[in-house]
Amino acid sequence: MKFRFARHTNDLVRLKTFYTNILGFELLGSFENHDNYNGIFIGKPNLDWHLEFTQSNEKTNHNFDEDDLLVFYPETIQEYEHLISKIIFEDIPFATSKNPYWNENGKMILDPDGYRIIISNLKIK
C-alpha cells in the first residue's frame, strides 16, 4: 500500500521551499491547472509515501488541532542534528507540544501554514 498525505494551501511556493530547503525532501513531481488546481508532490525517491500540496483560487482556512502532527524520524543522529541545525540557522522557532511525549522525544516546529511538524529523536542509530 502506498500513502499520500494531501493538503490544500494558500502559498504553494512557501511550502515547497520549506519542505525541500529546510526539511530536505525532494520535489517528486508537480502539476498545473488540473481542474483549476496546481500541486506538488514532495518526499524521498523510492519510498511508498509522499506529501501532496495543492493550491487553487479558493482560499483555505486552516483549523489544525494542537494534536495534528506530521512526525518525521531521522535515521541517524547526524541526520537529526543536521535538521535541527538547519532549523536554527533559518531562524525557525521551536514550539512546545501539547503532548509532553513529543517535548521529550523530539523538537516541534510549524510549517508556513501553521501545521505542526515533529522531528523525532527516537530510534536514531
PDB file of N, CA and C in Angstrom:
ATOM      1  N   MET A   1       0.845  -1.176   0.000  1.00  0.00           N
ATOM      2  CA  MET A   1       0.000   0.000   0.000  1.00  0.00           C
ATOM      3  C   MET A   1       0.889   1.237   0.000  1.00  0.00           C
ATOM      4  N   LYS A   2       0.489   2.199  -0.760  1.00  0.00           N
ATOM      5  CA  LYS A   2       1.196   3.481  -0.789  1.00  0.00           C
ATOM      6  C   LYS A   2       0.391   4.497   0.008  1.00  0.00           C
ATOM      7  N   PHE A   3       1.066   5.551   0.453  1.00  0.00           N
ATOM      8  CA  PHE A   3       0.422   6.562   1.282  1.00  0.00           C
ATOM      9  C   PHE A   3       0.723   7.943   0.728  1.00  0.00           C
ATOM     10  N   ARG A   4      -0.318   8.779   0.676  1.00  0.00           N
ATOM     11  CA  ARG A   4      -0.169  10.180   0.291  1.00  0.00           C
ATOM     12  C   ARG A   4      -0.933  11.020   1.306  1.00  0.00           C
ATOM     13  N   PHE A   5      -0.263  12.017   1.864  1.00  0.00           N
ATOM     14  CA  PHE A   5      -0.910  12.997   2.726  1.00  0.00           C
ATOM     15  C   PHE A   5      -1.120  14.236   1.871  1.00  0.00           C
ATOM     16  N   ALA A   6      -2.376  14.602   1.650  1.00  0.00           N
ATOM     17  CA  ALA A   6      -2.690  15.736   0.778  1.00  0.00           C
ATOM     18  C   ALA A   6      -3.316  16.857   1.586  1.00  0.00           C
ATOM     19  N   ARG A   7      -2.899  18.082   1.262  1.00  0.00           N
ATOM     20  CA  ARG A   7      -3.421  19.250   1.971  1.00  0.00           C
ATOM     21  C   ARG A   7      -3.430  20.448   1.041  1.00  0.00           C
ATOM     22  N   HIS A   8      -4.459  21.248   1.163  1.00  0.00           N
ATOM     23  CA  HIS A   8      -4.592  22.475   0.376  1.00  0.00           C
ATOM     24  C   HIS A   8      -3.858  23.607   1.097  1.00  0.00           C
ATOM     25  N   THR A   9      -3.324  24.539   0.339  1.00  0.00           N
ATOM     26  CA  THR A   9      -2.585  25.665   0.904  1.00  0.00           C
ATOM     27  C   THR A   9      -2.903  26.937   0.129  1.00  0.00           C
ATOM     28  N   ASN A  10      -2.600  28.063   0.732  1.00  0.00           N
ATOM     29  CA  ASN A  10      -2.723  29.346   0.046  1.00  0.00           C
ATOM     30  C   ASN A  10      -1.390  29.805  -0.538  1.00  0.00           C
ATOM     31  N   ASP A  11      -0.293  29.092  -0.236  1.00  0.00           N
ATOM     32  CA  ASP A  11       1.026  29.519  -0.694  1.00  0.00           C
ATOM     33  C   ASP A  11       1.896  28.306  -1.017  1.00  0.00           C
ATOM     34  N   LEU A  12       1.724  27.787  -2.200  1.00  0.00           N
ATOM     35  CA  LEU A  12       2.438  26.599  -2.644  1.00  0.00           C
ATOM     36  C   LEU A  12       3.954  26.818  -2.672  1.00  0.00           C
ATOM     37  N   VAL A  13       4.377  27.998  -3.064  1.00  0.00           N
ATOM     38  CA  VAL A  13       5.812  28.291  -3.170  1.00  0.00           C
ATOM     39  C   VAL A  13       6.480  28.235  -1.798  1.00  0.00           C
ATOM     40  N   ARG A  14       5.865  28.832  -0.794  1.00  0.00           N
ATOM     41  CA  ARG A  14       6.448  28.809   0.559  1.00  0.00           C
ATOM     42  C   ARG A  14       6.540  27.389   1.110  1.00  0.00           C
ATOM     43  N   LEU A  15       5.499  26.574   0.876  1.00  0.00           N
ATOM     44  CA  LEU A  15       5.541  25.194   1.352  1.00  0.00           C
ATOM     45  C   LEU A  15       6.622  24.395   0.629  1.00  0.00           C
ATOM     46  N   LYS A  16       6.744  24.597  -0.677  1.00  0.00           N
ATOM     47  CA  LYS A  16       7.792  23.901  -1.427  1.00  0.00           C
ATOM     48  C   LYS A  16       9.166  24.253  -0.874  1.00  0.00           C
ATOM     49  N   THR A  17       9.414  25.531  -0.659  1.00  0.00           N
ATOM     50  CA  THR A  17      10.695  25.971  -0.112  1.00  0.00           C
ATOM     51  C   THR A  17      10.947  25.364   1.261  1.00  0.00           C
ATOM     52  N   PHE A  18       9.944  25.399   2.120  1.00  0.00           N
ATOM     53  CA  PHE A  18      10.089  24.874   3.476  1.00  0.00           C
ATOM     54  C   PHE A  18      10.427  23.386   3.467  1.00  0.00           C
ATOM     55  N   TYR A  19       9.636  22.593   2.771  1.00  0.00           N
ATOM     56  CA  TYR A  19       9.808  21.143   2.809  1.00  0.00           C
ATOM     57  C   TYR A  19      11.048  20.671   2.049  1.00  0.00           C
ATOM     58  N   THR A  20      11.490  21.414   1.049  1.00  0.00           N
ATOM     59  CA  THR A  20      12.692  20.999   0.323  1.00  0.00           C
ATOM     60  C   THR A  20      13.959  21.615   0.929  1.00  0.00           C
ATOM     61  N   ASN A  21      13.964  22.915   1.152  1.00  0.00           N
ATOM     62  CA  ASN A  21      15.179  23.573   1.646  1.00  0.00           C
ATOM     63  C   ASN A  21      15.419  23.370   3.130  1.00  0.00           C
ATOM     64  N   ILE A  22      14.381  23.351   3.928  1.00  0.00           N
ATOM     65  CA  ILE A  22      14.547  23.224   5.373  1.00  0.00           C
ATOM     66  C   ILE A  22      14.581  21.757   5.787  1.00  0.00           C
ATOM     67  N   LEU A  23      13.587  20.979   5.369  1.00  0.00           N
ATOM     68  CA  LEU A  23      13.489  19.588   5.816  1.00  0.00           C
ATOM     69  C   LEU A  23      14.205  18.599   4.903  1.00  0.00           C
ATOM     70  N   GLY A  24      14.657  19.055   3.740  1.00  0.00           N
ATOM     71  CA  GLY A  24      15.492  18.213   2.895  1.00  0.00           C
ATOM     72  C   GLY A  24      14.757  17.194   2.034  1.00  0.00           C
ATOM     73  N   PHE A  25      13.465  17.369   1.849  1.00  0.00           N
ATOM     74  CA  PHE A  25      12.740  16.471   0.948  1.00  0.00           C
ATOM     75  C   PHE A  25      12.956  16.930  -0.484  1.00  0.00           C
ATOM     76  N   GLU A  26      12.548  16.088  -1.419  1.00  0.00           N
ATOM     77  CA  GLU A  26      12.725  16.407  -2.828  1.00  0.00           C
ATOM     78  C   GLU A  26      11.378  16.642  -3.497  1.00  0.00           C
ATOM     79  N   LEU A  27      11.404  17.471  -4.512  1.00  0.00           N
ATOM     80  CA  LEU A  27      10.226  17.661  -5.346  1.00  0.00           C
ATOM     81  C   LEU A  27      10.138  16.453  -6.270  1.00  0.00           C
ATOM     82  N   LEU A  28       9.115  15.624  -6.092  1.00  0.00           N
ATOM     83  CA  LEU A  28       8.958  14.390  -6.857  1.00  0.00           C
ATOM     84  C   LEU A  28       8.120  14.584  -8.112  1.00  0.00           C
ATOM     85  N   GLY A  29       7.350  15.662  -8.135  1.00  0.00           N
ATOM     86  CA  GLY A  29       6.504  15.929  -9.286  1.00  0.00           C
ATOM     87  C   GLY A  29       5.638  17.131  -9.028  1.00  0.00           C
ATOM     88  N   SER A  30       4.937  17.562 -10.073  1.00  0.00           N
ATOM     89  CA  SER A  30       4.060  18.722  -9.934  1.00  0.00           C
ATOM     90  C   SER A  30       3.036  18.694 -11.060  1.00  0.00           C
ATOM     91  N   PHE A  31       2.020  19.510 -10.918  1.00  0.00           N
ATOM     92  CA  PHE A  31       1.037  19.680 -11.985  1.00  0.00           C
ATOM     93  C   PHE A  31       0.499  21.099 -11.922  1.00  0.00           C
ATOM     94  N   GLU A  32       0.007  21.578 -13.065  1.00  0.00           N
ATOM     95  CA  GLU A  32      -0.547  22.932 -13.152  1.00  0.00           C
ATOM     96  C   GLU A  32      -1.905  22.889 -13.832  1.00  0.00           C
ATOM     97  N   ASN A  33      -2.805  23.693 -13.318  1.00  0.00           N
ATOM     98  CA  ASN A  33      -4.134  23.890 -13.877  1.00  0.00           C
ATOM     99  C   ASN A  33      -4.865  22.579 -14.176  1.00  0.00           C
ATOM    100  N   HIS A  34      -4.810  21.672 -13.225  1.00  0.00           N
ATOM    101  CA  HIS A  34      -5.578  20.432 -13.328  1.00  0.00           C
ATOM    102  C   HIS A  34      -6.910  20.680 -12.630  1.00  0.00           C
ATOM    103  N   ASP A  35      -7.943  20.954 -13.407  1.00  0.00           N
ATOM    104  CA  ASP A  35      -9.258  21.322 -12.857  1.00  0.00           C
ATOM    105  C   ASP A  35      -9.139  22.512 -11.906  1.00  0.00           C
ATOM    106  N   ASN A  36      -8.318  23.503 -12.302  1.00  0.00           N
ATOM    107  CA  ASN A  36      -8.081  24.739 -11.550  1.00  0.00           C
ATOM    108  C   ASN A  36      -7.214  24.554 -10.307  1.00  0.00           C
ATOM    109  N   TYR A  37      -6.514  23.447 -10.223  1.00  0.00           N
ATOM    110  CA  TYR A  37      -5.588  23.199  -9.115  1.00  0.00           C
ATOM    111  C   TYR A  37      -4.169  23.105  -9.641  1.00  0.00           C
ATOM    112  N   ASN A  38      -3.229  23.667  -8.870  1.00  0.00           N
ATOM    113  CA  ASN A  38      -1.812  23.440  -9.057  1.00  0.00           C
ATOM    114  C   ASN A  38      -1.357  22.602  -7.873  1.00  0.00           C
ATOM    115  N   GLY A  39      -0.339  21.791  -8.077  1.00  0.00           N
ATOM    116  CA  GLY A  39       0.094  20.955  -6.971  1.00  0.00           C
ATOM    117  C   GLY A  39       1.521  20.492  -7.096  1.00  0.00           C
ATOM    118  N   ILE A  40       2.038  20.034  -5.964  1.00  0.00           N
ATOM    119  CA  ILE A  40       3.386  19.479  -5.908  1.00  0.00           C
ATOM    120  C   ILE A  40       3.362  18.212  -5.063  1.00  0.00           C
ATOM    121  N   PHE A  41       4.287  17.312  -5.389  1.00  0.00           N
ATOM    122  CA  PHE A  41       4.489  16.091  -4.624  1.00  0.00           C
ATOM    123  C   PHE A  41       5.893  16.168  -4.036  1.00  0.00           C
ATOM    124  N   ILE A  42       5.996  15.985  -2.737  1.00  0.00           N
ATOM    125  CA  ILE A  42       7.275  16.125  -2.035  1.00  0.00           C
ATOM    126  C   ILE A  42       7.513  14.887  -1.195  1.00  0.00           C
ATOM    127  N   GLY A  43       8.746  14.424  -1.175  1.00  0.00           N
ATOM    128  CA  GLY A  43       9.097  13.261  -0.363  1.00  0.00           C
ATOM    129  C   GLY A  43      10.521  12.855  -0.631  1.00  0.00           C
ATOM    130  N   LYS A  44      10.768  11.567  -0.550  1.00  0.00           N
ATOM    131  CA  LYS A  44      12.071  10.974  -0.851  1.00  0.00           C
ATOM    132  C   LYS A  44      11.848   9.922  -1.932  1.00  0.00           C
ATOM    133  N   PRO A  45      12.709   9.882  -2.939  1.00  0.00           N
ATOM    134  CA  PRO A  45      12.533   8.894  -4.010  1.00  0.00           C
ATOM    135  C   PRO A  45      12.538   7.469  -3.464  1.00  0.00           C
ATOM    136  N   ASN A  46      11.811   6.608  -4.143  1.00  0.00           N
ATOM    137  CA  ASN A  46      11.786   5.174  -3.854  1.00  0.00           C
ATOM    138  C   ASN A  46      11.144   4.809  -2.522  1.00  0.00           C
ATOM    139  N   LEU A  47      10.376   5.696  -1.945  1.00  0.00           N
ATOM    140  CA  LEU A  47       9.607   5.364  -0.747  1.00  0.00           C
ATOM    141  C   LEU A  47       8.132   5.281  -1.130  1.00  0.00           C
ATOM    142  N   ASP A  48       7.359   4.599  -0.336  1.00  0.00           N
ATOM    143  CA  ASP A  48       5.945   4.395  -0.652  1.00  0.00           C
ATOM    144  C   ASP A  48       5.039   5.459  -0.039  1.00  0.00           C
ATOM    145  N   TRP A  49       5.550   6.651   0.162  1.00  0.00           N
ATOM    146  CA  TRP A  49       4.734   7.745   0.686  1.00  0.00           C
ATOM    147  C   TRP A  49       5.251   9.065   0.124  1.00  0.00           C
ATOM    148  N   HIS A  50       4.381  10.043   0.134  1.00  0.00           N
ATOM    149  CA  HIS A  50       4.791  11.413  -0.194  1.00  0.00           C
ATOM    150  C   HIS A  50       3.717  12.388   0.283  1.00  0.00           C
ATOM    151  N   LEU A  51       4.088  13.639   0.300  1.00  0.00           N
ATOM    152  CA  LEU A  51       3.178  14.722   0.651  1.00  0.00           C
ATOM    153  C   LEU A  51       2.713  15.387  -0.631  1.00  0.00           C
ATOM    154  N   GLU A  52       1.448  15.734  -0.687  1.00  0.00           N
ATOM    155  CA  GLU A  52       0.909  16.490  -1.818  1.00  0.00           C
ATOM    156  C   GLU A  52       0.331  17.784  -1.278  1.00  0.00           C
ATOM    157  N   PHE A  53       0.727  18.880  -1.881  1.00  0.00           N
ATOM    158  CA  PHE A  53       0.157  20.179  -1.532  1.00  0.00           C
ATOM    159  C   PHE A  53      -0.478  20.757  -2.784  1.00  0.00           C
ATOM    160  N   THR A  54      -1.700  21.261  -2.635  1.00  0.00           N
ATOM    161  CA  THR A  54      -2.409  21.848  -3.763  1.00  0.00           C
ATOM    162  C   THR A  54      -2.784  23.285  -3.453  1.00  0.00           C
ATOM    163  N   GLN A  55      -2.981  24.060  -4.521  1.00  0.00           N
ATOM    164  CA  GLN A  55      -3.416  25.447  -4.404  1.00  0.00           C
ATOM    165  C   GLN A  55      -4.383  25.728  -5.541  1.00  0.00           C
ATOM    166  N   SER A  56      -5.415  26.501  -5.243  1.00  0.00           N
ATOM    167  CA  SER A  56      -6.392  26.911  -6.249  1.00  0.00           C
ATOM    168  C   SER A  56      -6.799  28.350  -5.953  1.00  0.00           C
ATOM    169  N   ASN A  57      -7.771  28.846  -6.689  1.00  0.00           N
ATOM    170  CA  ASN A  57      -8.271  30.189  -6.412  1.00  0.00           C
ATOM    171  C   ASN A  57      -9.093  30.246  -5.130  1.00  0.00           C
ATOM    172  N   GLU A  58      -9.541  29.091  -4.676  1.00  0.00           N
ATOM    173  CA  GLU A  58     -10.310  29.034  -3.426  1.00  0.00           C
ATOM    174  C   GLU A  58      -9.352  29.066  -2.246  1.00  0.00           C
ATOM    175  N   LYS A  59      -9.531  30.023  -1.367  1.00  0.00           N
ATOM    176  CA  LYS A  59      -8.655  30.170  -0.206  1.00  0.00           C
ATOM    177  C   LYS A  59      -9.061  29.178   0.878  1.00  0.00           C
ATOM    178  N   THR A  60      -8.054  28.660   1.539  1.00  0.00           N
ATOM    179  CA  THR A  60      -8.303  27.725   2.625  1.00  0.00           C
ATOM    180  C   THR A  60      -8.169  28.431   3.964  1.00  0.00           C
ATOM    181  N   ASN A  61      -8.915  27.986   4.926  1.00  0.00           N
ATOM    182  CA  ASN A  61      -8.835  28.495   6.291  1.00  0.00           C
ATOM    183  C   ASN A  61      -8.459  27.309   7.172  1.00  0.00           C
ATOM    184  N   HIS A  62      -7.174  27.200   7.484  1.00  0.00           N
ATOM    185  CA  HIS A  62      -6.682  26.057   8.249  1.00  0.00           C
ATOM    186  C   HIS A  62      -7.178  26.111   9.687  1.00  0.00           C
ATOM    187  N   ASN A  63      -7.626  24.985  10.168  1.00  0.00           N
ATOM    188  CA  ASN A  63      -8.070  24.833  11.552  1.00  0.00           C
ATOM    189  C   ASN A  63      -7.417  23.600  12.159  1.00  0.00           C
ATOM    190  N   PHE A  64      -6.100  23.618  12.252  1.00  0.00           N
ATOM    191  CA  PHE A  64      -5.382  22.475  12.783  1.00  0.00           C
ATOM    192  C   PHE A  64      -5.533  22.411  14.295  1.00  0.00           C
ATOM    193  N   ASP A  65      -5.685  21.233  14.800  1.00  0.00           N
ATOM    194  CA  ASP A  65      -5.719  20.971  16.230  1.00  0.00           C
ATOM    195  C   ASP A  65      -4.283  20.856  16.735  1.00  0.00           C
ATOM    196  N   GLU A  66      -4.065  21.093  18.006  1.00  0.00           N
ATOM    197  CA  GLU A  66      -2.720  21.007  18.566  1.00  0.00           C
ATOM    198  C   GLU A  66      -2.147  19.598  18.517  1.00  0.00           C
ATOM    199  N   ASP A  67      -2.986  18.607  18.346  1.00  0.00           N
ATOM    200  CA  ASP A  67      -2.513  17.237  18.251  1.00  0.00           C
ATOM    201  C   ASP A  67      -2.431  16.736  16.813  1.00  0.00           C
ATOM    202  N   ASP A  68      -2.672  17.614  15.825  1.00  0.00           N
ATOM    203  CA  ASP A  68      -2.491  17.259  14.418  1.00  0.00           C
ATOM    204  C   ASP A  68      -1.022  17.474  14.079  1.00  0.00           C
ATOM    205  N   LEU A  69      -0.323  16.391  13.819  1.00  0.00           N
ATOM    206  CA  LEU A  69       1.128  16.447  13.640  1.00  0.00           C
ATOM    207  C   LEU A  69       1.572  15.619  12.451  1.00  0.00           C
ATOM    208  N   LEU A  70       2.648  16.042  11.833  1.00  0.00           N
ATOM    209  CA  LEU A  70       3.436  15.177  10.965  1.00  0.00           C
ATOM    210  C   LEU A  70       4.703  14.875  11.758  1.00  0.00           C
ATOM    211  N   VAL A  71       5.043  13.616  11.897  1.00  0.00           N
ATOM    212  CA  VAL A  71       6.224  13.220  12.666  1.00  0.00           C
ATOM    213  C   VAL A  71       7.217  12.582  11.713  1.00  0.00           C
ATOM    214  N   PHE A  72       8.422  13.112  11.698  1.00  0.00           N
ATOM    215  CA  PHE A  72       9.488  12.580  10.873  1.00  0.00           C
ATOM    216  C   PHE A  72      10.564  11.991  11.778  1.00  0.00           C
ATOM    217  N   TYR A  73      11.030  10.810  11.413  1.00  0.00           N
ATOM    218  CA  TYR A  73      12.021  10.074  12.189  1.00  0.00           C
ATOM    219  C   TYR A  73      13.335  10.003  11.417  1.00  0.00           C
ATOM    220  N   PRO A  74      14.286  10.895  11.689  1.00  0.00           N
ATOM    221  CA  PRO A  74      15.594  10.778  11.043  1.00  0.00           C
ATOM    222  C   PRO A  74      16.211   9.414  11.367  1.00  0.00           C
ATOM    223  N   GLU A  75      16.959   8.883  10.411  1.00  0.00           N
ATOM    224  CA  GLU A  75      17.522   7.552  10.591  1.00  0.00           C
ATOM    225  C   GLU A  75      18.832   7.538  11.357  1.00  0.00           C
ATOM    226  N   THR A  76      19.542   8.663  11.391  1.00  0.00           N
ATOM    227  CA  THR A  76      20.820   8.719  12.107  1.00  0.00           C
ATOM    228  C   THR A  76      20.861   9.985  12.972  1.00  0.00           C
ATOM    229  N   ILE A  77      21.759   9.968  13.938  1.00  0.00           N
ATOM    230  CA  ILE A  77      21.943  11.150  14.782  1.00  0.00           C
ATOM    231  C   ILE A  77      22.472  12.307  13.938  1.00  0.00           C
ATOM    232  N   GLN A  78      23.270  12.001  12.918  1.00  0.00           N
ATOM    233  CA  GLN A  78      23.801  13.046  12.046  1.00  0.00           C
ATOM    234  C   GLN A  78      22.665  13.724  11.265  1.00  0.00           C
ATOM    235  N   GLU A  79      21.723  12.929  10.777  1.00  0.00           N
ATOM    236  CA  GLU A  79      20.587  13.495  10.048  1.00  0.00           C
ATOM    237  C   GLU A  79      19.738  14.355  10.981  1.00  0.00           C
ATOM    238  N   TYR A  80      19.511  13.882  12.202  1.00  0.00           N
ATOM    239  CA  TYR A  80      18.739  14.646  13.188  1.00  0.00           C
ATOM    240  C   TYR A  80      19.439  15.979  13.489  1.00  0.00           C
ATOM    241  N   GLU A  81      20.723  15.913  13.789  1.00  0.00           N
ATOM    242  CA  GLU A  81      21.475  17.129  14.130  1.00  0.00           C
ATOM    243  C   GLU A  81      21.530  18.097  12.954  1.00  0.00           C
ATOM    244  N   HIS A  82      21.644  17.567  11.731  1.00  0.00           N
ATOM    245  CA  HIS A  82      21.651  18.430  10.548  1.00  0.00           C
ATOM    246  C   HIS A  82      20.311  19.170  10.422  1.00  0.00           C
ATOM    247  N   LEU A  83      19.203  18.452  10.606  1.00  0.00           N
ATOM    248  CA  LEU A  83      17.881  19.094  10.525  1.00  0.00           C
ATOM    249  C   LEU A  83      17.724  20.170  11.597  1.00  0.00           C
ATOM    250  N   ILE A  84      18.098  19.853  12.812  1.00  0.00           N
ATOM    251  CA  ILE A  84      17.968  20.821  13.910  1.00  0.00           C
ATOM    252  C   ILE A  84      18.851  22.039  13.644  1.00  0.00           C
ATOM    253  N   SER A  85      20.070  21.815  13.171  1.00  0.00           N
ATOM    254  CA  SER A  85      20.966  22.937  12.847  1.00  0.00           C
ATOM    255  C   SER A  85      20.385  23.804  11.733  1.00  0.00           C
ATOM    256  N   LYS A  86      19.807  23.176  10.723  1.00  0.00           N
ATOM    257  CA  LYS A  86      19.200  23.919   9.606  1.00  0.00           C
ATOM    258  C   LYS A  86      18.032  24.769  10.104  1.00  0.00           C
ATOM    259  N   ILE A  87      17.209  24.208  10.972  1.00  0.00           N
ATOM    260  CA  ILE A  87      16.067  24.929  11.541  1.00  0.00           C
ATOM    261  C   ILE A  87      16.548  26.141  12.334  1.00  0.00           C
ATOM    262  N   ILE A  88      17.575  25.943  13.140  1.00  0.00           N
ATOM    263  CA  ILE A  88      18.136  27.047  13.932  1.00  0.00           C
ATOM    264  C   ILE A  88      18.732  28.098  13.001  1.00  0.00           C
ATOM    265  N   PHE A  89      19.504  27.678  11.992  1.00  0.00           N
ATOM    266  CA  PHE A  89      20.129  28.599  11.045  1.00  0.00           C
ATOM    267  C   PHE A  89      19.081  29.442  10.317  1.00  0.00           C
ATOM    268  N   GLU A  90      17.962  28.827   9.958  1.00  0.00           N
ATOM    269  CA  GLU A  90      16.896  29.534   9.246  1.00  0.00           C
ATOM    270  C   GLU A  90      16.007  30.348  10.183  1.00  0.00           C
ATOM    271  N   ASP A  91      16.357  30.348  11.473  1.00  0.00           N
ATOM    272  CA  ASP A  91      15.646  31.133  12.490  1.00  0.00           C
ATOM    273  C   ASP A  91      14.167  30.745  12.590  1.00  0.00           C
ATOM    274  N   ILE A  92      13.917  29.451  12.479  1.00  0.00           N
ATOM    275  CA  ILE A  92      12.563  28.928  12.654  1.00  0.00           C
ATOM    276  C   ILE A  92      12.411  28.575  14.129  1.00  0.00           C
ATOM    277  N   PRO A  93      11.444  29.167  14.805  1.00  0.00           N
ATOM    278  CA  PRO A  93      11.318  28.911  16.239  1.00  0.00           C
ATOM    279  C   PRO A  93      10.789  27.510  16.529  1.00  0.00           C
ATOM    280  N   PHE A  94      11.277  26.934  17.610  1.00  0.00           N
ATOM    281  CA  PHE A  94      10.726  25.683  18.098  1.00  0.00           C
ATOM    282  C   PHE A  94       9.477  26.006  18.905  1.00  0.00           C
ATOM    283  N   ALA A  95       8.536  25.091  18.883  1.00  0.00           N
ATOM    284  CA  ALA A  95       7.284  25.264  19.621  1.00  0.00           C
ATOM    285  C   ALA A  95       7.179  24.167  20.667  1.00  0.00           C
ATOM    286  N   THR A  96       6.339  24.386  21.631  1.00  0.00           N
ATOM    287  CA  THR A  96       6.082  23.394  22.664  1.00  0.00           C
ATOM    288  C   THR A  96       4.857  22.587  22.280  1.00  0.00           C
ATOM    289  N   SER A  97       5.003  21.282  22.352  1.00  0.00           N
ATOM    290  CA  SER A  97       3.897  20.395  22.018  1.00  0.00           C
ATOM    291  C   SER A  97       2.920  20.303  23.183  1.00  0.00           C
ATOM    292  N   LYS A  98       1.655  20.206  22.868  1.00  0.00           N
ATOM    293  CA  LYS A  98       0.638  19.963  23.883  1.00  0.00           C
ATOM    294  C   LYS A  98       0.883  18.618  24.556  1.00  0.00           C
ATOM    295  N   ASN A  99       1.349  17.654  23.774  1.00  0.00           N
ATOM    296  CA  ASN A  99       1.630  16.319  24.278  1.00  0.00           C
ATOM    297  C   ASN A  99       3.061  16.284  24.809  1.00  0.00           C
ATOM    298  N   PRO A 100       3.257  16.115  26.122  1.00  0.00           N
ATOM    299  CA  PRO A 100       4.607  16.131  26.695  1.00  0.00           C
ATOM    300  C   PRO A 100       5.549  15.086  26.093  1.00  0.00           C
ATOM    301  N   TYR A 101       4.987  14.016  25.563  1.00  0.00           N
ATOM    302  CA  TYR A 101       5.798  12.965  24.958  1.00  0.00           C
ATOM    303  C   TYR A 101       6.703  13.541  23.875  1.00  0.00           C
ATOM    304  N   TRP A 102       6.146  14.420  23.040  1.00  0.00           N
ATOM    305  CA  TRP A 102       6.937  14.969  21.937  1.00  0.00           C
ATOM    306  C   TRP A 102       7.946  16.001  22.405  1.00  0.00           C
ATOM    307  N   ASN A 103       7.704  16.640  23.526  1.00  0.00           N
ATOM    308  CA  ASN A 103       8.700  17.569  24.068  1.00  0.00           C
ATOM    309  C   ASN A 103       9.933  16.817  24.565  1.00  0.00           C
ATOM    310  N   GLU A 104       9.736  15.573  24.977  1.00  0.00           N
ATOM    311  CA  GLU A 104      10.846  14.741  25.456  1.00  0.00           C
ATOM    312  C   GLU A 104      11.514  13.967  24.327  1.00  0.00           C
ATOM    313  N   ASN A 105      10.789  13.715  23.269  1.00  0.00           N
ATOM    314  CA  ASN A 105      11.275  12.812  22.226  1.00  0.00           C
ATOM    315  C   ASN A 105      11.382  13.464  20.850  1.00  0.00           C
ATOM    316  N   GLY A 106      11.550  14.764  20.828  1.00  0.00           N
ATOM    317  CA  GLY A 106      11.711  15.441  19.554  1.00  0.00           C
ATOM    318  C   GLY A 106      11.633  16.947  19.702  1.00  0.00           C
ATOM    319  N   LYS A 107      11.651  17.605  18.577  1.00  0.00           N
ATOM    320  CA  LYS A 107      11.517  19.063  18.510  1.00  0.00           C
ATOM    321  C   LYS A 107      10.358  19.381  17.578  1.00  0.00           C
ATOM    322  N   MET A 108       9.538  20.358  17.958  1.00  0.00           N
ATOM    323  CA  MET A 108       8.397  20.728  17.138  1.00  0.00           C
ATOM    324  C   MET A 108       8.606  22.103  16.527  1.00  0.00           C
ATOM    325  N   ILE A 109       8.236  22.212  15.243  1.00  0.00           N
ATOM    326  CA  ILE A 109       8.218  23.483  14.533  1.00  0.00           C
ATOM    327  C   ILE A 109       6.890  23.569  13.795  1.00  0.00           C
ATOM    328  N   LEU A 110       6.607  24.733  13.245  1.00  0.00           N
ATOM    329  CA  LEU A 110       5.406  24.922  12.437  1.00  0.00           C
ATOM    330  C   LEU A 110       5.812  25.167  10.988  1.00  0.00           C
ATOM    331  N   ASP A 111       5.071  24.570  10.059  1.00  0.00           N
ATOM    332  CA  ASP A 111       5.340  24.861   8.657  1.00  0.00           C
ATOM    333  C   ASP A 111       4.692  26.201   8.304  1.00  0.00           C
ATOM    334  N   PRO A 112       4.874  26.726   7.101  1.00  0.00           N
ATOM    335  CA  PRO A 112       4.332  28.047   6.755  1.00  0.00           C
ATOM    336  C   PRO A 112       2.816  28.182   6.901  1.00  0.00           C
ATOM    337  N   ASP A 113       2.086  27.071   6.856  1.00  0.00           N
ATOM    338  CA  ASP A 113       0.635  27.106   7.067  1.00  0.00           C
ATOM    339  C   ASP A 113       0.257  27.003   8.541  1.00  0.00           C
ATOM    340  N   GLY A 114       1.230  26.773   9.403  1.00  0.00           N
ATOM    341  CA  GLY A 114       0.956  26.606  10.824  1.00  0.00           C
ATOM    342  C   GLY A 114       0.736  25.159  11.238  1.00  0.00           C
ATOM    343  N   TYR A 115       0.999  24.213  10.325  1.00  0.00           N
ATOM    344  CA  TYR A 115       0.848  22.795  10.647  1.00  0.00           C
ATOM    345  C   TYR A 115       2.055  22.346  11.469  1.00  0.00           C
ATOM    346  N   ARG A 116       1.816  21.569  12.510  1.00  0.00           N
ATOM    347  CA  ARG A 116       2.867  21.151  13.427  1.00  0.00           C
ATOM    348  C   ARG A 116       3.683  19.987  12.854  1.00  0.00           C
ATOM    349  N   ILE A 117       5.002  20.137  12.952  1.00  0.00           N
ATOM    350  CA  ILE A 117       5.952  19.143  12.472  1.00  0.00           C
ATOM    351  C   ILE A 117       6.825  18.729  13.652  1.00  0.00           C
ATOM    352  N   ILE A 118       6.951  17.424  13.867  1.00  0.00           N
ATOM    353  CA  ILE A 118       7.865  16.908  14.887  1.00  0.00           C
ATOM    354  C   ILE A 118       9.051  16.279  14.187  1.00  0.00           C
ATOM    355  N   ILE A 119      10.249  16.651  14.618  1.00  0.00           N
ATOM    356  CA  ILE A 119      11.468  15.963  14.226  1.00  0.00           C
ATOM    357  C   ILE A 119      11.838  15.110  15.423  1.00  0.00           C
ATOM    358  N   SER A 120      11.605  13.808  15.293  1.00  0.00           N
ATOM    359  CA  SER A 120      11.768  12.907  16.423  1.00  0.00           C
ATOM    360  C   SER A 120      13.229  12.533  16.615  1.00  0.00           C
ATOM    361  N   ASN A 121      13.600  12.333  17.880  1.00  0.00           N
ATOM    362  CA  ASN A 121      14.936  11.850  18.182  1.00  0.00           C
ATOM    363  C   ASN A 121      14.882  10.398  18.680  1.00  0.00           C
ATOM    364  N   LEU A 122      13.784   9.703  18.400  1.00  0.00           N
ATOM    365  CA  LEU A 122      13.628   8.295  18.775  1.00  0.00           C
ATOM    366  C   LEU A 122      14.230   7.375  17.724  1.00  0.00           C
ATOM    367  N   LYS A 123      14.682   6.240  18.156  1.00  0.00           N
ATOM    368  CA  LYS A 123      15.166   5.177  17.269  1.00  0.00           C
ATOM    369  C   LYS A 123      16.293   5.632  16.354  1.00  0.00           C
ATOM    370  N   ILE A 124      17.086   6.577  16.813  1.00  0.00           N
ATOM    371  CA  ILE A 124      18.202   7.055  15.999  1.00  0.00           C
ATOM    372  C   ILE A 124      19.400   6.139  16.218  1.00  0.00           C
ATOM    373  N   LYS A 125      20.043   5.784  15.122  1.00  0.00           N
ATOM    374  CA  LYS A 125      21.227   4.905  15.173  1.00  0.00           C
ATOM    375  C   LYS A 125      22.461   5.719  15.434  1.00  0.00           C
TER     376      LYS A 125
END
